């Protein structure tokens, strides 16, 4: 395990559409969840188990300790001593997973800001997101938080992380603190240093830009990417890659990279690529929200009035989004370009999912409400709600290579679950109608999280 390191608390930051925004805030509490002595049982609930199977009415789910021990209908095994939760008229889904996060606070101007990160983690948990993958951050910062969460010292979603990105000097995301390689085998030492951080999954970047409004930058050579991917795989670590174009995605898959960190957004995918994704079962993360967020703020700032945003986002941030940031986005060519291309990416994801490929929810941001927006965009793009819930749960576990441990409500898996007061299959926005969040069999006290709704 990575040693826990102290990280100084500074000015809060929140990541919205790729921008770090400074805010004021209080100190986050350290222990917030309650647990029944032996476990819990949810009865009379409509179960949407995350596998893609149809919903089951009048279901019973029994949890002992951290894991699910029974899933069925009608009478349950002996449940004396367990906390009982009546699910009548309610809906139980697996804990949601956001598999592309850049957690706030890691890359602020004045150094890491632990308080900002904890507040963002609380926002995810409040929103029913019980697992995140940080897809690039200050390594010391994110691995310190990961160690606290795994030790039980921090109430937060499960944290998986890559730490630094791997790329060539000047490549996408190749700023200070990243893992830079130029040749092989000379680059092996840098990869060994990265491996010593114990990343859960390693992200490489493979994008020369030159699209949208972006100037050209150096590109990681395919052969070097293949060496790096094989190095990590041979040490038991999966890989993902930042791409944006079908051609580059094909090259990454052929080089042996395990997953794709973004959809194809530069143009419509070919039928052959759709068939390839279905045959190879290479998980592809959705990240629609990061691009759609620019024009959404400019044209529909009223979304900030929605309850989940009001509960989770600092009021100073919301006001700044309505004014200064909205005005800035309105003048950018990038806003227009992303508005045009987001529907293209939505259709690309729909086709791959319909063909049997593995689409995974990821927002590319650092806020629970944006993870829910990702769900809405996938459904708006034509993916059925039942499939979208699988995308946001079991497919995320497949992305991590941990589908035998969590991601669905099945016997033997960790009890990460969300109880909803309305049917998400009737309206995917009902996934925000949260009654309870359960992580590892423990009911999270959402009223104690360090969020505006609780202040």
Protein backbone atom coordinates (compact mmCIF):
# COMPACT_ATOMS: atom_id res chain seq x y z
CA UNK A 1 0.00 0.00 0.00
CA UNK A 2 1.05 3.59 -0.58
CA UNK A 3 2.09 5.39 2.61
CA UNK A 4 -0.24 8.15 3.74
CA UNK A 5 1.31 11.57 3.42
CA UNK A 6 0.07 14.80 4.96
CA UNK A 7 -1.21 17.30 2.41
CA UNK A 8 -1.55 20.92 3.49
CA UNK A 9 -5.03 22.47 3.24
CA UNK A 10 -5.21 25.63 1.20
CA UNK A 11 -7.83 27.60 -0.74
CA UNK A 12 -10.67 25.35 -1.96
CA UNK A 13 -10.95 24.59 -5.67
CA UNK A 14 -13.69 22.94 -7.70
CA UNK A 15 -13.17 21.53 -11.16
CA UNK A 16 -15.90 22.47 -13.60
CA UNK A 17 -15.52 21.81 -17.32
CA UNK A 18 -11.79 21.58 -16.87
CA UNK A 19 -11.37 24.86 -14.95
CA UNK A 20 -10.09 25.18 -11.37
CA UNK A 21 -12.26 27.67 -9.51
CA UNK A 22 -11.23 29.03 -6.12
CA UNK A 23 -13.76 29.10 -3.32
CA UNK A 24 -13.96 29.32 0.44
CA UNK A 25 -15.07 26.39 2.59
CA UNK A 26 -14.88 24.66 5.94
CA UNK A 27 -12.93 21.70 7.21
CA UNK A 28 -14.39 18.36 6.16
CA UNK A 29 -15.43 15.88 8.85
CA UNK A 30 -13.56 12.59 8.99
CA UNK A 31 -16.14 9.97 10.03
CA UNK A 32 -19.67 10.19 8.74
CA UNK A 33 -21.30 6.80 8.22
CA UNK A 34 -23.24 4.48 10.47
CA UNK A 35 -23.37 0.68 10.43
CA UNK A 36 -25.78 -1.88 11.79
CA UNK A 37 -24.14 -4.44 14.15
CA UNK A 38 -24.24 -7.30 11.65
CA UNK A 39 -25.55 -5.98 8.36
CA UNK A 40 -28.81 -4.95 6.74
CA UNK A 41 -31.74 -6.26 4.72
CA UNK A 42 -33.71 -4.32 2.10
CA UNK A 43 -37.23 -5.69 1.55
CA UNK A 44 -40.15 -5.13 -0.84
CA UNK A 45 -37.96 -3.18 -3.26
CA UNK A 46 -37.85 -3.03 -7.06
CA UNK A 47 -34.36 -4.26 -7.89
CA UNK A 48 -32.38 -3.01 -10.89
CA UNK A 49 -29.24 -5.07 -10.36
CA UNK A 50 -26.88 -3.42 -12.87
CA UNK A 51 -26.42 -6.49 -15.08
CA UNK A 52 -28.90 -5.29 -17.68
CA UNK A 53 -31.49 -7.86 -16.65
CA UNK A 54 -35.07 -6.59 -16.27
CA UNK A 55 -36.13 -5.01 -12.99
CA UNK A 56 -37.44 -7.39 -10.31
CA UNK A 57 -40.32 -6.32 -8.10
CA UNK A 58 -40.78 -7.33 -4.45
CA UNK A 59 -37.08 -8.15 -4.14
CA UNK A 60 -35.08 -8.81 -1.00
CA UNK A 61 -31.36 -8.05 -0.62
CA UNK A 62 -29.43 -9.21 2.45
CA UNK A 63 -26.05 -7.80 3.43
CA UNK A 64 -23.78 -9.22 6.10
CA UNK A 65 -20.69 -7.21 6.86
CA UNK A 66 -19.48 -5.62 3.64
CA UNK A 67 -20.95 -8.11 1.17
CA UNK A 68 -24.26 -9.16 -0.31
CA UNK A 69 -25.23 -12.62 0.89
CA UNK A 70 -28.70 -13.04 -0.64
CA UNK A 71 -30.67 -11.63 -3.56
CA UNK A 72 -34.16 -12.98 -4.21
CA UNK A 73 -37.91 -12.50 -3.91
CA UNK A 74 -40.34 -13.06 -1.09
CA UNK A 75 -39.01 -14.54 2.14
CA UNK A 76 -35.33 -14.03 2.96
CA UNK A 77 -33.02 -16.24 5.03
CA UNK A 78 -32.72 -15.57 8.76
CA UNK A 79 -32.21 -11.81 9.22
CA UNK A 80 -32.48 -11.37 12.98
CA UNK A 81 -30.22 -8.58 14.21
CA UNK A 82 -29.90 -6.93 10.83
CA UNK A 83 -30.91 -3.34 10.12
CA UNK A 84 -34.19 -3.50 8.18
CA UNK A 85 -34.93 -1.09 5.34
CA UNK A 86 -38.43 -1.11 3.83
CA UNK A 87 -38.09 -0.56 0.10
CA UNK A 88 -41.82 -0.42 -0.65
CA UNK A 89 -42.41 1.86 -3.63
CA UNK A 90 -38.65 2.37 -4.04
CA UNK A 91 -35.91 1.27 -6.41
CA UNK A 92 -32.51 -0.24 -5.59
CA UNK A 93 -29.59 0.15 -7.99
CA UNK A 94 -25.85 -0.52 -7.59
CA UNK A 95 -23.66 2.35 -6.46
CA UNK A 96 -22.85 4.50 -9.48
CA UNK A 97 -19.28 4.72 -10.80
CA UNK A 98 -17.52 7.63 -12.51
CA UNK A 99 -14.48 6.25 -14.29
CA UNK A 100 -12.98 9.53 -15.49
CA UNK A 101 -12.45 12.07 -12.74
CA UNK A 102 -9.75 14.67 -12.15
CA UNK A 103 -10.33 15.30 -8.46
CA UNK A 104 -10.35 18.93 -7.38
CA UNK A 105 -7.50 20.21 -5.25
CA UNK A 106 -4.61 18.25 -6.70
CA UNK A 107 -3.27 20.79 -9.15
CA UNK A 108 -4.04 24.18 -7.66
CA UNK A 109 -1.77 27.18 -8.13
CA UNK A 110 -0.64 27.19 -4.50
CA UNK A 111 -0.15 23.46 -4.10
CA UNK A 112 -2.51 20.59 -3.20
CA UNK A 113 -5.73 21.49 -1.39
CA UNK A 114 -6.95 18.49 0.57
CA UNK A 115 -10.13 20.19 1.77
CA UNK A 116 -11.26 20.84 -1.79
CA UNK A 117 -10.68 17.20 -2.66
CA UNK A 118 -12.59 15.92 0.37
CA UNK A 119 -15.55 18.15 -0.44
CA UNK A 120 -15.59 16.85 -4.01
CA UNK A 121 -15.46 13.28 -2.72
CA UNK A 122 -18.37 14.02 -0.39
CA UNK A 123 -20.28 15.48 -3.35
CA UNK A 124 -19.79 12.25 -5.27
CA UNK A 125 -20.92 10.10 -2.36
CA UNK A 126 -23.95 12.33 -1.69
CA UNK A 127 -24.87 11.88 -5.37
CA UNK A 128 -24.79 8.10 -5.15
CA UNK A 129 -21.37 7.63 -6.77
CA UNK A 130 -19.61 4.98 -4.70
CA UNK A 131 -16.55 4.45 -6.94
CA UNK A 132 -14.35 6.84 -8.90
CA UNK A 133 -11.25 6.51 -11.06
CA UNK A 134 -9.00 9.57 -11.02
CA UNK A 135 -7.62 9.67 -14.56
CA UNK A 136 -4.68 12.02 -13.95
CA UNK A 137 -3.60 14.10 -10.98
CA UNK A 138 -0.84 15.01 -8.56
CA UNK A 139 0.35 11.55 -7.55
CA UNK A 140 1.20 12.30 -3.94
CA UNK A 141 -2.15 14.03 -3.45
CA UNK A 142 -4.48 11.43 -4.95
CA UNK A 143 -2.66 8.39 -3.55
CA UNK A 144 -2.70 9.96 -0.08
CA UNK A 145 -6.49 10.31 -0.26
CA UNK A 146 -6.77 6.78 -1.63
CA UNK A 147 -4.80 5.44 1.32
CA UNK A 148 -7.05 7.26 3.79
CA UNK A 149 -10.20 5.93 2.14
CA UNK A 150 -8.93 2.35 2.11
CA UNK A 151 -7.84 2.57 5.73
CA UNK A 152 -11.31 3.74 6.73
CA UNK A 153 -10.05 7.16 7.80
CA UNK A 154 -11.95 9.07 5.11
CA UNK A 155 -15.59 8.74 4.13
CA UNK A 156 -15.47 8.80 0.34
CA UNK A 157 -16.23 6.71 -2.72
CA UNK A 158 -13.80 3.93 -3.51
CA UNK A 159 -10.81 5.68 -5.06
CA UNK A 160 -8.86 4.19 -7.94
CA UNK A 161 -6.17 6.30 -9.58
CA UNK A 162 -3.42 6.46 -12.17
CA UNK A 163 -1.54 9.33 -10.51
CA UNK A 164 0.60 11.03 -13.18
CA UNK A 165 -0.15 10.61 -16.88
CA UNK A 166 2.32 8.83 -19.15
CA UNK A 167 3.26 10.61 -22.38
CA UNK A 168 6.11 12.22 -24.33
CA UNK A 169 7.53 15.65 -23.44
CA UNK A 170 5.09 18.25 -24.74
CA UNK A 171 2.38 15.61 -25.26
CA UNK A 172 -1.22 15.93 -24.10
CA UNK A 173 -1.26 16.36 -20.33
CA UNK A 174 2.52 16.20 -20.16
CA UNK A 175 2.99 18.99 -17.65
CA UNK A 176 4.99 19.11 -14.39
CA UNK A 177 4.90 15.96 -12.31
CA UNK A 178 3.83 13.69 -15.18
CA UNK A 179 5.68 10.53 -16.29
CA UNK A 180 7.54 11.45 -19.48
CA UNK A 181 9.23 8.94 -21.79
CA UNK A 182 11.05 9.51 -25.09
CA UNK A 183 12.54 6.17 -26.13
CA UNK A 184 12.83 2.50 -25.20
CA UNK A 185 14.42 0.96 -23.17
CA UNK A 186 15.59 4.32 -21.78
CA UNK A 187 12.05 5.13 -20.68
CA UNK A 188 11.79 2.02 -18.52
CA UNK A 189 13.23 3.76 -15.44
CA UNK A 190 10.48 6.40 -15.52
CA UNK A 191 7.82 3.68 -15.77
CA UNK A 192 9.37 1.79 -12.86
CA UNK A 193 9.15 4.95 -10.75
CA UNK A 194 5.49 5.29 -11.74
CA UNK A 195 4.85 1.65 -10.87
CA UNK A 196 6.32 2.24 -7.41
CA UNK A 197 3.35 4.56 -6.73
CA UNK A 198 1.09 1.48 -7.01
CA UNK A 199 -1.35 2.85 -9.58
CA UNK A 200 -4.60 0.94 -9.99
CA UNK A 201 -4.62 1.56 -13.73
CA UNK A 202 -2.24 3.65 -15.84
CA UNK A 203 -3.35 6.30 -18.32
CA UNK A 204 -1.31 7.20 -21.40
CA UNK A 205 -2.11 10.05 -23.78
CA UNK A 206 -2.12 9.57 -27.55
CA UNK A 207 -3.39 12.72 -29.22
CA UNK A 208 -1.54 15.20 -31.41
CA UNK A 209 -4.43 17.74 -31.30
CA UNK A 210 -4.82 19.79 -34.45
CA UNK A 211 -8.60 19.32 -34.13
CA UNK A 212 -11.31 21.71 -32.96
CA UNK A 213 -9.36 24.85 -32.06
CA UNK A 214 -6.28 23.06 -30.72
CA UNK A 215 -2.78 23.47 -32.19
CA UNK A 216 -0.63 20.47 -33.00
CA UNK A 217 1.53 18.98 -30.22
CA UNK A 218 3.97 16.03 -30.00
CA UNK A 219 2.41 12.55 -30.24
CA UNK A 220 3.47 9.48 -28.26
CA UNK A 221 4.97 7.07 -30.84
CA UNK A 222 2.92 3.90 -31.32
CA UNK A 223 5.89 1.61 -30.66
CA UNK A 224 6.72 3.44 -27.44
CA UNK A 225 3.07 3.22 -26.34
CA UNK A 226 3.16 -0.50 -27.00
CA UNK A 227 6.31 -0.93 -24.87
CA UNK A 228 4.77 1.09 -22.03
CA UNK A 229 1.48 -0.79 -22.13
CA UNK A 230 3.22 -4.16 -22.12
CA UNK A 231 5.44 -3.07 -19.23
CA UNK A 232 2.48 -2.25 -17.01
CA UNK A 233 0.48 -5.31 -18.09
CA UNK A 234 3.43 -7.55 -17.23
CA UNK A 235 3.31 -6.08 -13.74
CA UNK A 236 -0.42 -6.75 -13.43
CA UNK A 237 -1.63 -3.18 -14.12
CA UNK A 238 -4.27 -2.37 -16.74
CA UNK A 239 -3.95 0.61 -19.06
CA UNK A 240 -6.18 3.26 -20.58
CA UNK A 241 -5.42 5.85 -23.24
CA UNK A 242 -6.59 9.36 -24.11
CA UNK A 243 -7.64 9.40 -27.78
CA UNK A 244 -10.28 11.31 -29.71
CA UNK A 245 -10.15 9.85 -33.23
CA UNK A 246 -11.07 6.43 -34.61
CA UNK A 247 -7.68 5.99 -36.29
CA UNK A 248 -5.77 6.66 -33.06
CA UNK A 249 -8.18 4.46 -31.09
CA UNK A 250 -7.53 1.61 -33.55
CA UNK A 251 -3.78 2.06 -33.16
CA UNK A 252 -4.04 2.00 -29.37
CA UNK A 253 -6.13 -1.18 -29.41
CA UNK A 254 -3.67 -2.84 -31.80
CA UNK A 255 -0.82 -1.79 -29.48
CA UNK A 256 -2.47 -3.72 -26.64
CA UNK A 257 -3.90 -0.87 -24.55
CA UNK A 258 -6.73 -2.25 -22.43
CA UNK A 259 -9.29 0.58 -22.41
CA UNK A 260 -10.15 3.91 -24.06
CA UNK A 261 -10.53 6.96 -21.81
CA UNK A 262 -12.78 8.90 -24.23
CA UNK A 263 -15.25 8.31 -27.06
CA UNK A 264 -14.46 9.09 -30.67
CA UNK A 265 -15.52 12.73 -31.01
CA UNK A 266 -13.76 13.97 -34.15
CA UNK A 267 -16.27 12.33 -36.49
CA UNK A 268 -18.73 9.45 -36.93
CA UNK A 269 -17.31 5.98 -36.34
CA UNK A 270 -17.22 3.41 -39.11
CA UNK A 271 -19.26 0.19 -39.07
CA UNK A 272 -15.98 -1.71 -38.93
CA UNK A 273 -14.89 0.13 -35.78
CA UNK A 274 -18.21 -0.59 -34.10
CA UNK A 275 -17.76 -4.29 -34.92
CA UNK A 276 -14.17 -4.17 -33.62
CA UNK A 277 -15.26 -2.67 -30.30
CA UNK A 278 -17.93 -5.33 -29.88
CA UNK A 279 -15.55 -8.17 -30.77
CA UNK A 280 -12.62 -6.96 -28.66
CA UNK A 281 -14.78 -5.83 -25.71
CA UNK A 282 -12.47 -2.86 -25.12
CA UNK A 283 -14.19 -0.56 -22.60
CA UNK A 284 -14.71 3.02 -23.81
CA UNK A 285 -15.48 5.85 -21.35
CA UNK A 286 -18.24 8.29 -22.30
CA UNK A 287 -17.00 11.79 -21.20
CA UNK A 288 -19.82 13.66 -22.97
CA UNK A 289 -20.42 16.17 -20.19
CA UNK A 290 -17.05 17.89 -20.40
CA UNK A 291 -17.75 19.10 -23.96
CA UNK A 292 -21.49 19.66 -23.69
CA UNK A 293 -21.01 21.68 -20.51
CA UNK A 294 -19.79 24.79 -22.32
CA UNK A 295 -22.87 25.39 -24.48
CA UNK A 296 -25.19 24.10 -21.75
CA UNK A 297 -24.00 26.84 -19.42
CA UNK A 298 -24.27 29.51 -22.11
CA UNK A 299 -27.72 28.51 -23.38
CA UNK A 300 -29.35 26.85 -20.36
CA UNK A 301 -27.87 28.26 -17.12
CA UNK A 302 -31.14 27.35 -15.38
CA UNK A 303 -29.76 23.83 -14.87
CA UNK A 304 -27.87 25.33 -11.93
CA UNK A 305 -31.22 25.64 -10.13
CA UNK A 306 -31.63 21.86 -10.05
CA UNK A 307 -31.65 20.47 -6.52
CA UNK A 308 -28.55 18.29 -6.77
CA UNK A 309 -26.41 21.19 -7.98
CA UNK A 310 -27.76 23.41 -5.22
CA UNK A 311 -27.03 20.71 -2.63
CA UNK A 312 -23.47 19.96 -3.73
CA UNK A 313 -21.94 23.03 -5.37
CA UNK A 314 -20.86 26.03 -3.33
CA UNK A 315 -23.16 29.00 -3.85
CA UNK A 316 -20.21 31.22 -4.75
CA UNK A 317 -19.33 28.78 -7.54
CA UNK A 318 -22.87 28.75 -8.88
CA UNK A 319 -22.95 32.53 -9.00
CA UNK A 320 -19.61 32.68 -10.77
CA UNK A 321 -20.79 30.12 -13.30
CA UNK A 322 -23.89 32.22 -14.04
CA UNK A 323 -21.83 35.33 -14.70
CA UNK A 324 -18.09 35.40 -15.29
CA UNK A 325 -17.60 31.86 -16.59
CA UNK A 326 -20.74 31.88 -18.73
CA UNK A 327 -19.62 35.14 -20.36
CA UNK A 328 -16.21 33.62 -21.07
CA UNK A 329 -17.66 30.47 -22.64
CA UNK A 330 -20.00 32.52 -24.83
CA UNK A 331 -17.05 34.04 -26.71
CA UNK A 332 -15.06 30.84 -27.29
CA UNK A 333 -14.98 29.00 -30.62
CA UNK A 334 -14.36 25.82 -28.61
CA UNK A 335 -17.88 26.13 -27.14
CA UNK A 336 -19.43 26.07 -30.59
CA UNK A 337 -17.22 23.24 -31.81
CA UNK A 338 -18.06 21.02 -28.85
CA UNK A 339 -21.78 21.75 -29.21
CA UNK A 340 -21.62 20.48 -32.79
CA UNK A 341 -19.53 17.41 -32.01
CA UNK A 342 -21.19 16.19 -28.80
CA UNK A 343 -24.17 14.69 -30.70
CA UNK A 344 -21.66 12.89 -32.91
CA UNK A 345 -20.03 11.35 -29.86
CA UNK A 346 -23.46 10.44 -28.43
CA UNK A 347 -24.34 8.54 -31.60
CA UNK A 348 -20.94 6.82 -31.65
CA UNK A 349 -21.52 5.58 -28.11
CA UNK A 350 -25.06 4.45 -28.93
CA UNK A 351 -23.88 2.38 -31.88
CA UNK A 352 -21.11 0.69 -29.92
CA UNK A 353 -23.43 -0.12 -27.02
CA UNK A 354 -26.14 -1.45 -29.35
CA UNK A 355 -23.57 -3.73 -30.99
CA UNK A 356 -22.59 -5.19 -27.63
CA UNK A 357 -19.52 -3.07 -26.90
CA UNK A 358 -18.57 -1.95 -23.38
CA UNK A 359 -19.40 1.71 -22.74
CA UNK A 360 -18.45 3.11 -19.32
CA UNK A 361 -19.67 6.25 -17.54
CA UNK A 362 -17.07 8.96 -17.00
CA UNK A 363 -17.56 12.71 -16.74
CA UNK A 364 -13.97 14.02 -17.01
CA UNK A 365 -14.88 16.35 -14.14
CA UNK A 366 -15.01 16.44 -10.34
CA UNK A 367 -18.65 16.74 -9.28
CA UNK A 368 -21.39 14.20 -8.59
CA UNK A 369 -24.11 16.18 -10.41
CA UNK A 370 -22.03 16.04 -13.59
CA UNK A 371 -21.87 12.25 -13.34
CA UNK A 372 -25.68 12.28 -13.44
CA UNK A 373 -25.59 14.62 -16.42
CA UNK A 374 -23.48 11.99 -18.17
CA UNK A 375 -26.30 9.48 -17.63
CA UNK A 376 -28.82 11.93 -19.06
CA UNK A 377 -26.73 12.59 -22.17
CA UNK A 378 -26.33 8.89 -22.91
CA UNK A 379 -30.08 8.29 -22.62
CA UNK A 380 -30.83 11.45 -24.64
CA UNK A 381 -28.49 10.02 -27.27
CA UNK A 382 -30.58 6.87 -27.64
CA UNK A 383 -29.18 4.42 -25.08
CA UNK A 384 -32.05 2.78 -23.11
CA UNK A 385 -32.16 3.63 -19.40
CA UNK A 386 -31.64 0.00 -18.37
CA UNK A 387 -28.47 -0.15 -20.45
CA UNK A 388 -27.34 3.24 -19.11
CA UNK A 389 -27.55 1.95 -15.55
CA UNK A 390 -25.33 -0.99 -16.49
CA UNK A 391 -22.94 1.45 -18.17
CA UNK A 392 -22.79 3.43 -14.91
CA UNK A 393 -22.26 0.36 -12.71
CA UNK A 394 -21.13 -3.08 -13.88
CA UNK A 395 -19.34 -1.79 -16.98
CA UNK A 396 -17.31 0.49 -14.73
CA UNK A 397 -16.14 -2.51 -12.74
CA UNK A 398 -15.24 -4.26 -16.02
CA UNK A 399 -13.15 -1.21 -16.97
CA UNK A 400 -11.20 -1.65 -13.73
CA UNK A 401 -10.97 -5.44 -14.10
CA UNK A 402 -12.90 -5.79 -10.81
CA UNK A 403 -16.30 -7.04 -11.98
CA UNK A 404 -16.09 -10.03 -9.64
CA UNK A 405 -16.01 -7.65 -6.65
CA UNK A 406 -18.58 -4.92 -7.29
CA UNK A 407 -20.62 -3.13 -9.94
CA UNK A 408 -23.85 -5.13 -9.60
CA UNK A 409 -26.20 -6.31 -6.87
CA UNK A 410 -25.29 -9.99 -6.80
CA UNK A 411 -24.40 -12.43 -4.07
CA UNK A 412 -20.78 -12.29 -2.96
CA UNK A 413 -20.13 -8.75 -4.15
CA UNK A 414 -19.48 -5.67 -2.03
CA UNK A 415 -22.73 -4.01 -0.98
CA UNK A 416 -22.48 -0.70 -2.83
CA UNK A 417 -26.10 0.34 -3.46
CA UNK A 418 -28.37 3.37 -3.86
CA UNK A 419 -32.03 3.42 -2.83
CA UNK A 420 -34.15 5.70 -5.01
CA UNK A 421 -37.61 7.14 -4.40
CA UNK A 422 -38.54 7.14 -8.11
CA UNK A 423 -38.05 4.83 -11.09
CA UNK A 424 -34.86 5.56 -13.09
CA UNK A 425 -36.14 3.38 -15.96
CA UNK A 426 -39.09 5.74 -16.43
CA UNK A 427 -36.81 8.79 -16.31
CA UNK A 428 -33.05 8.48 -15.87
CA UNK A 429 -33.07 11.79 -13.97
CA UNK A 430 -34.79 9.86 -11.17
CA UNK A 431 -31.35 8.41 -10.38
CA UNK A 432 -30.93 11.73 -8.53
CA UNK A 433 -33.94 10.99 -6.27
CA UNK A 434 -31.75 9.42 -3.61
CA UNK A 435 -33.09 8.12 -0.29
CA UNK A 436 -30.03 6.17 0.88
CA UNK A 437 -26.45 5.57 -0.20
CA UNK A 438 -24.85 2.34 0.98
CA UNK A 439 -21.14 1.64 0.58
CA UNK A 440 -19.62 -1.68 1.69
CA UNK A 441 -22.79 -2.44 3.61
CA UNK A 442 -22.71 0.85 5.52
CA UNK A 443 -25.42 3.47 5.27
CA UNK A 444 -23.80 6.82 4.58
CA UNK A 445 -25.01 9.71 6.74
CA UNK A 446 -25.56 12.16 3.91
CA UNK A 447 -26.55 14.90 6.38
CA UNK A 448 -23.05 14.92 7.88
CA UNK A 449 -21.12 15.39 4.65
CA UNK A 450 -19.29 18.69 4.19
CA UNK A 451 -21.61 20.18 1.58
CA UNK A 452 -23.69 23.34 1.21
CA UNK A 453 -26.93 21.41 1.79
CA UNK A 454 -25.73 20.55 5.29
CA UNK A 455 -24.38 23.94 6.33
